[in-house]
C-alpha cells in the first residue's frame, strides 16, 4: 500500500487517481510553544528608521512584549528583515529602552519585531527589560 499524504490509488474503474489520505504512519504535529512568556500591554513607542538619505521617527503603539521582541503597530511601510531602532518606556520603569529590532513578521501595519542586541549598551537594555518583565510576571 502506498505511504504518504499524497499517493496514487485506484478507483472503482481501475484508473489511477490522486487524493489525500492519512495512513497509520501519520505522526501528529507538536503544538508550537513560545520561548518566552508574552505580556499584553499598550505603550507608546517610537520606531526609528535609518536610510541612506534620512532618519525618520514614527510614533506607534507597543502591543505585546517579551524578552525576545515586541509587537508594534505603526503607520510605516516595513518589509521582512528591515532593521529599525525601537524606543519605549516599559511599565514600572522610569527610563526608556532603545534597542535595535528586525521585522520578523507583518500583518497590515502590525509588526513582530525581534530585539537584536549587538553592542554592550543594547545588551544592558535587554537586561533592564528582563528585570521589568520579572516585575510584570509577579504583578
Protein backbone atom coordinates (compact mmCIF):
# COMPACT_ATOMS: atom_id res chain seq x y z
CA UNK A 1 0.00 0.00 0.00
CA UNK A 2 1.35 3.49 -0.83
CA UNK A 3 2.50 5.50 2.14
CA UNK A 4 2.32 9.28 2.47
CA UNK A 5 -0.06 12.18 2.32
CA UNK A 6 -0.37 12.20 -1.46
CA UNK A 7 -0.35 8.79 -3.07
CA UNK A 8 -1.83 7.19 -6.14
CA UNK A 9 -4.72 4.82 -5.63
CA UNK A 10 -7.11 3.10 -7.98
CA UNK A 11 -10.78 3.90 -8.08
CA UNK A 12 -13.67 1.55 -8.97
CA UNK A 13 -12.88 1.83 -12.66
CA UNK A 14 -9.34 0.72 -12.08
CA UNK A 15 -7.95 4.10 -13.18
CA UNK A 16 -5.31 5.68 -11.10
CA UNK A 17 -6.34 8.81 -9.22
CA UNK A 18 -4.56 11.10 -6.80
CA UNK A 19 -6.00 12.03 -3.49
CA UNK A 20 -5.19 12.93 0.07
CA UNK A 21 -5.38 10.35 2.78
CA UNK A 22 -3.64 9.58 6.00
CA UNK A 23 -2.12 6.29 6.96
CA UNK A 24 -1.40 4.78 10.32
CA UNK A 25 2.12 6.15 9.88
CA UNK A 26 0.96 9.77 10.12
CA UNK A 27 2.59 11.48 13.08
CA UNK A 28 0.64 14.17 14.95
CA UNK A 29 2.39 17.54 15.00
CA UNK A 30 3.62 19.10 18.20
CA UNK A 31 1.90 22.28 19.35
CA UNK A 32 4.19 25.32 18.97
CA UNK A 33 5.31 26.83 22.26
CA UNK A 34 6.96 30.20 22.70
CA UNK A 35 10.49 30.66 24.01
CA UNK A 36 9.38 33.38 26.47
CA UNK A 37 6.05 34.31 28.05
CA UNK A 38 4.23 37.13 26.28
CA UNK A 39 2.88 40.16 28.14
CA UNK A 40 -0.01 42.16 26.74
CA UNK A 41 0.41 45.89 27.13
CA UNK A 42 -0.33 49.16 25.39
CA UNK A 43 2.56 51.62 25.47
CA UNK A 44 3.58 54.49 23.20
CA UNK A 45 6.55 53.59 21.06
CA UNK A 46 8.91 55.27 18.63
CA UNK A 47 10.16 53.39 15.58
CA UNK A 48 13.34 54.98 14.20
CA UNK A 49 14.07 54.07 10.59
CA UNK A 50 17.50 54.91 9.20
CA UNK A 51 18.03 55.11 5.43
CA UNK A 52 20.99 56.31 3.40
CA UNK A 53 19.34 59.70 2.88
CA UNK A 54 17.47 60.37 6.14
CA UNK A 55 16.29 59.18 9.52
CA UNK A 56 12.55 59.01 10.17
CA UNK A 57 10.82 58.71 13.55
CA UNK A 58 7.35 57.13 13.53
CA UNK A 59 5.08 57.11 16.57
CA UNK A 60 3.17 53.89 17.21
CA UNK A 61 1.98 51.55 19.93
CA UNK A 62 3.63 48.55 21.54
CA UNK A 63 1.04 45.80 21.97
CA UNK A 64 2.76 42.64 23.21
CA UNK A 65 6.17 42.23 24.77
CA UNK A 66 8.61 39.51 25.77
CA UNK A 67 12.36 39.40 26.26
CA UNK A 68 12.89 38.47 22.61
CA UNK A 69 10.83 41.18 20.95
CA UNK A 70 7.72 43.30 20.75
CA UNK A 71 4.62 43.58 18.59
CA UNK A 72 4.36 47.09 17.19
CA UNK A 73 1.51 48.87 15.43
CA UNK A 74 2.83 51.84 13.46
CA UNK A 75 1.88 53.66 10.25
CA UNK A 76 5.05 52.85 8.35
CA UNK A 77 5.86 50.54 5.44
CA UNK A 78 8.45 48.00 6.57
CA UNK A 79 9.49 44.76 4.89
CA UNK A 80 10.52 41.48 6.48
CA UNK A 81 14.16 41.74 7.50
CA UNK A 82 14.17 45.55 7.80
CA UNK A 83 16.20 46.78 10.76
CA UNK A 84 14.98 49.69 12.89
CA UNK A 85 15.50 51.09 16.35
CA UNK A 86 12.68 50.80 18.84
CA UNK A 87 12.28 53.13 21.80
CA UNK A 88 9.68 52.77 24.54
CA UNK A 89 9.28 53.09 28.30
CA UNK A 90 8.16 49.77 29.78
CA UNK A 91 5.61 49.66 32.60
CA UNK A 92 7.13 50.18 36.08
CA UNK A 93 10.20 51.82 34.58
CA UNK A 94 11.31 55.44 34.70
CA UNK A 95 13.65 55.43 31.72
CA UNK A 96 13.09 54.44 28.10
CA UNK A 97 14.67 51.44 26.42
CA UNK A 98 16.18 51.90 22.97
CA UNK A 99 17.22 48.79 21.08
CA UNK A 100 17.63 47.58 17.55
CA UNK A 101 14.88 45.39 16.13
CA UNK A 102 14.36 43.36 12.97
CA UNK A 103 10.96 42.83 11.35
CA UNK A 104 10.21 39.10 11.55
CA UNK A 105 6.52 39.10 10.62
CA UNK A 106 3.87 41.51 9.46
CA UNK A 107 0.09 41.77 9.24
CA UNK A 108 -1.00 45.13 7.83
CA UNK A 109 0.67 47.78 9.97
CA UNK A 110 1.28 45.39 12.86
CA UNK A 111 4.87 44.17 13.00
CA UNK A 112 6.58 41.45 15.00
CA UNK A 113 9.97 42.91 15.90
CA UNK A 114 12.80 40.75 17.23
CA UNK A 115 15.28 42.51 19.51
CA UNK A 116 18.85 42.38 18.20
CA UNK A 117 21.47 43.34 20.78
CA UNK A 118 24.78 43.90 19.02
CA UNK A 119 26.75 46.00 21.49
CA UNK A 120 27.20 46.31 25.26
CA UNK A 121 24.67 49.14 25.60
CA UNK A 122 21.95 47.09 23.90
CA UNK A 123 22.77 44.02 25.99
CA UNK A 124 22.29 46.20 29.09
CA UNK A 125 18.95 47.40 27.67
CA UNK A 126 17.80 43.78 27.27
CA UNK A 127 18.89 43.04 30.86
CA UNK A 128 16.88 46.06 32.04
CA UNK A 129 13.89 44.76 30.07
CA UNK A 130 14.22 41.32 31.69
CA UNK A 131 14.07 42.98 35.11
CA UNK A 132 10.88 44.81 34.12
CA UNK A 133 9.34 41.60 32.78
CA UNK A 134 10.16 39.85 36.04
CA UNK A 135 8.16 42.57 37.85
CA UNK A 136 5.30 42.18 35.36
CA UNK A 137 5.17 38.43 35.93
CA UNK A 138 4.67 38.93 39.67
CA UNK A 139 2.15 41.78 39.33
